[in-house]
Amino acid sequence: MKNACYAGRMRPYGPLALALLLASCAPVTQIVQVPQIEVEGIRLISLSLPAAGRAAEAGLTLALKVTNPNPVPVRVANVAAELVIEGEKVGDIVLPNVDLPARGQRTQQASLQVPVTLGTVGTLIRVARGEEVSYRLDGTFTADLGALGRPTFGPFTLSQGVWKQPALRVF
């Protein structure tokens, strides 16, 4: 009995078929480029002092650009990230699913209320005064690639940079 893998005489399409067969065995993460998440902007929109029965909080908004470098549409799902400012975790961000066209991008808005703690109060006051602080967005997400699968990426740093905004009028 002949070996099932033995092709016998090589036909002109043999090398192409072999290449396709080998490519189909490659893990999806090698074929697919990782979608990118970038912070386009962060804004401190409110800073409240503690009151009776209420802790001090800071209101933040983030504009996040999600980019698909792939030649096929991708749904980025289950985006879960931590916002770290000056080395201190200040809050969690969860984004809804983002449908991205092939080689396209979308901007998502995220709002969060973060507690003002002894570790963050100085940094938040610096932001309110218009001074620069460093930030980092660490997290994970899943890319829904249809027939190619649903690989999860991370945890890793999604975006990082320097945050500076115009001073709030009260400072």
Protein backbone atom coordinates (compact mmCIF):
# COMPACT_ATOMS: atom_id res chain seq x y z
CA MET A 1 0.00 0.00 0.00
CA LYS A 2 1.34 3.42 -0.91
CA ASN A 3 1.89 6.08 1.73
CA ALA A 4 -1.07 8.52 1.69
CA CYS A 5 1.34 11.46 1.93
CA TYR A 6 3.31 10.34 -1.14
CA ALA A 7 2.34 12.52 -4.06
CA GLY A 8 4.04 10.46 -6.70
CA ARG A 9 4.85 12.60 -9.69
CA MET A 10 4.82 16.31 -8.82
CA ARG A 11 2.17 18.21 -10.74
CA PRO A 12 2.57 21.93 -11.50
CA TYR A 13 0.10 22.86 -8.75
CA GLY A 14 1.82 20.63 -6.20
CA PRO A 15 4.06 23.33 -4.61
CA LEU A 16 1.10 25.71 -4.30
CA ALA A 17 -1.06 23.03 -2.68
CA LEU A 18 1.75 22.17 -0.29
CA ALA A 19 2.20 25.84 0.65
CA LEU A 20 -1.54 26.23 1.30
CA LEU A 21 -1.60 23.07 3.37
CA LEU A 22 1.31 24.25 5.52
CA ALA A 23 -0.18 27.73 5.90
CA SER A 24 -3.47 26.25 7.10
CA CYS A 25 -1.57 24.56 9.94
CA ALA A 26 -0.03 27.83 11.18
CA PRO A 27 -1.54 29.31 14.35
CA VAL A 28 -4.00 32.16 13.76
CA THR A 29 -1.86 34.60 15.75
CA GLN A 30 0.94 34.22 13.19
CA ILE A 31 -1.38 35.00 10.27
CA VAL A 32 -3.33 37.80 11.93
CA GLN A 33 -1.79 41.13 12.87
CA VAL A 34 -2.73 42.38 16.32
CA PRO A 35 -5.32 45.19 16.29
CA GLN A 36 -3.94 48.34 17.94
CA ILE A 37 -5.50 50.46 20.70
CA GLU A 38 -4.13 53.97 21.13
CA VAL A 39 -5.13 56.73 23.54
CA GLU A 40 -5.93 59.82 21.47
CA GLY A 41 -6.76 61.90 24.52
CA ILE A 42 -7.53 61.91 28.22
CA ARG A 43 -9.48 64.65 29.95
CA LEU A 44 -10.01 65.33 33.62
CA ILE A 45 -13.53 66.72 33.55
CA SER A 46 -14.32 66.87 37.26
CA LEU A 47 -12.65 66.66 40.64
CA SER A 48 -14.97 66.44 43.63
CA LEU A 49 -14.00 66.74 47.27
CA PRO A 50 -15.32 64.30 49.87
CA ALA A 51 -18.67 65.11 51.39
CA ALA A 52 -20.90 63.44 53.96
CA GLY A 53 -21.24 59.82 52.86
CA ARG A 54 -19.39 60.37 49.55
CA ALA A 55 -15.72 59.81 48.76
CA ALA A 56 -13.68 62.18 46.62
CA GLU A 57 -13.79 61.28 42.92
CA ALA A 58 -12.28 62.39 39.63
CA GLY A 59 -14.24 62.16 36.39
CA LEU A 60 -12.17 61.18 33.34
CA THR A 61 -12.93 60.70 29.67
CA LEU A 62 -10.69 58.85 27.24
CA ALA A 63 -10.76 58.84 23.45
CA LEU A 64 -9.37 55.51 22.23
CA LYS A 65 -8.49 54.83 18.59
CA VAL A 66 -8.84 51.14 17.68
CA THR A 67 -7.09 50.18 14.41
CA ASN A 68 -7.37 47.00 12.33
CA PRO A 69 -4.21 46.36 10.26
CA ASN A 70 -5.71 43.20 8.71
CA PRO A 71 -7.17 42.79 5.19
CA VAL A 72 -10.39 41.36 6.69
CA PRO A 73 -12.97 42.96 9.01
CA VAL A 74 -12.42 42.32 12.72
CA ARG A 75 -14.64 42.67 15.79
CA VAL A 76 -12.57 43.64 18.82
CA ALA A 77 -14.40 42.29 21.86
CA ASN A 78 -13.92 42.06 25.61
CA VAL A 79 -11.57 45.02 25.88
CA ALA A 80 -10.63 45.22 29.56
CA ALA A 81 -7.90 47.64 30.62
CA GLU A 82 -6.38 49.34 33.64
CA LEU A 83 -5.52 53.03 33.53
CA VAL A 84 -2.20 53.66 35.31
CA ILE A 85 -1.13 57.26 36.00
CA GLU A 86 2.37 58.00 37.30
CA GLY A 87 2.73 54.30 38.19
CA GLU A 88 -0.51 54.18 40.21
CA LYS A 89 -3.54 52.19 39.03
CA VAL A 90 -6.49 54.57 39.06
CA GLY A 91 -9.31 52.73 37.35
CA ASP A 92 -10.65 50.04 35.04
CA ILE A 93 -11.98 50.54 31.54
CA VAL A 94 -14.30 48.13 29.74
CA LEU A 95 -15.22 48.87 26.13
CA PRO A 96 -18.13 47.48 24.16
CA ASN A 97 -17.46 45.45 21.02
CA VAL A 98 -15.86 47.48 18.24
CA ASP A 99 -16.54 46.47 14.62
CA LEU A 100 -13.60 47.44 12.43
CA PRO A 101 -13.55 47.39 8.64
CA ALA A 102 -10.58 45.83 6.86
CA ARG A 103 -7.55 48.10 7.40
CA GLY A 104 -9.84 50.57 9.16
CA GLN A 105 -10.21 52.29 12.50
CA ARG A 106 -12.82 53.59 14.94
CA THR A 107 -12.68 55.96 17.89
CA GLN A 108 -14.34 54.84 21.13
CA GLN A 109 -15.14 57.06 24.09
CA ALA A 110 -14.77 55.78 27.63
CA SER A 111 -15.84 57.59 30.80
CA LEU A 112 -14.85 56.60 34.29
CA GLN A 113 -15.10 57.84 37.83
CA VAL A 114 -11.95 57.12 39.80
CA PRO A 115 -11.57 57.41 43.56
CA VAL A 116 -9.22 60.12 44.76
CA THR A 117 -6.83 58.43 47.18
CA LEU A 118 -3.69 59.49 49.03
CA GLY A 119 -1.75 57.85 46.18
CA THR A 120 -3.53 59.73 43.38
CA VAL A 121 -4.56 63.11 44.79
CA GLY A 122 -1.22 64.82 44.06
CA THR A 123 -1.14 63.53 40.49
CA LEU A 124 -4.75 64.55 39.79
CA ILE A 125 -4.09 68.05 41.17
CA ARG A 126 -1.05 68.31 38.86
CA VAL A 127 -3.29 67.40 35.89
CA ALA A 128 -5.90 69.94 37.03
CA ARG A 129 -3.15 72.59 37.10
CA GLY A 130 -2.14 71.76 33.52
CA GLU A 131 1.08 69.88 34.34
CA GLU A 132 2.33 66.76 32.51
CA VAL A 133 1.94 63.26 33.95
CA SER A 134 2.69 59.86 32.42
CA TYR A 135 -0.03 57.32 31.77
CA ARG A 136 -0.24 53.72 30.64
CA LEU A 137 -3.18 51.59 29.54
CA ASP A 138 -2.62 47.87 30.27
CA GLY A 139 -5.11 45.23 29.21
CA THR A 140 -6.42 42.38 27.10
CA PHE A 141 -8.91 41.94 24.29
CA THR A 142 -10.31 39.31 21.96
CA ALA A 143 -10.40 39.64 18.17
CA ASP A 144 -13.38 37.93 16.53
CA LEU A 145 -12.06 36.87 13.13
CA GLY A 146 -15.01 34.77 12.04
CA ALA A 147 -13.83 31.48 10.51
CA LEU A 148 -10.22 32.22 11.58
CA GLY A 149 -11.17 32.06 15.27
CA ARG A 150 -11.22 34.30 18.36
CA PRO A 151 -7.65 34.80 19.60
CA THR A 152 -7.13 36.71 22.83
CA PHE A 153 -4.27 39.21 23.02
CA GLY A 154 -2.58 40.35 26.21
CA PRO A 155 -2.15 41.17 28.92
CA PHE A 156 0.23 43.84 27.65
CA THR A 157 0.56 47.62 27.47
CA LEU A 158 -2.04 48.81 24.96
CA SER A 159 -0.92 52.44 24.95
CA GLN A 160 1.27 54.82 26.93
CA GLY A 161 2.32 58.44 26.81
CA VAL A 162 2.24 61.82 28.50
CA TRP A 163 -1.02 63.46 29.54
CA LYS A 164 -1.28 67.22 29.63
CA GLN A 165 -4.40 69.30 29.34
CA PRO A 166 -5.25 72.94 29.87
CA ALA A 167 -5.59 73.83 33.52
CA LEU A 168 -9.04 73.66 35.09
CA ARG A 169 -10.20 77.18 36.00
CA VAL A 170 -10.51 76.52 39.72
CA PHE A 171 -6.76 75.83 40.02
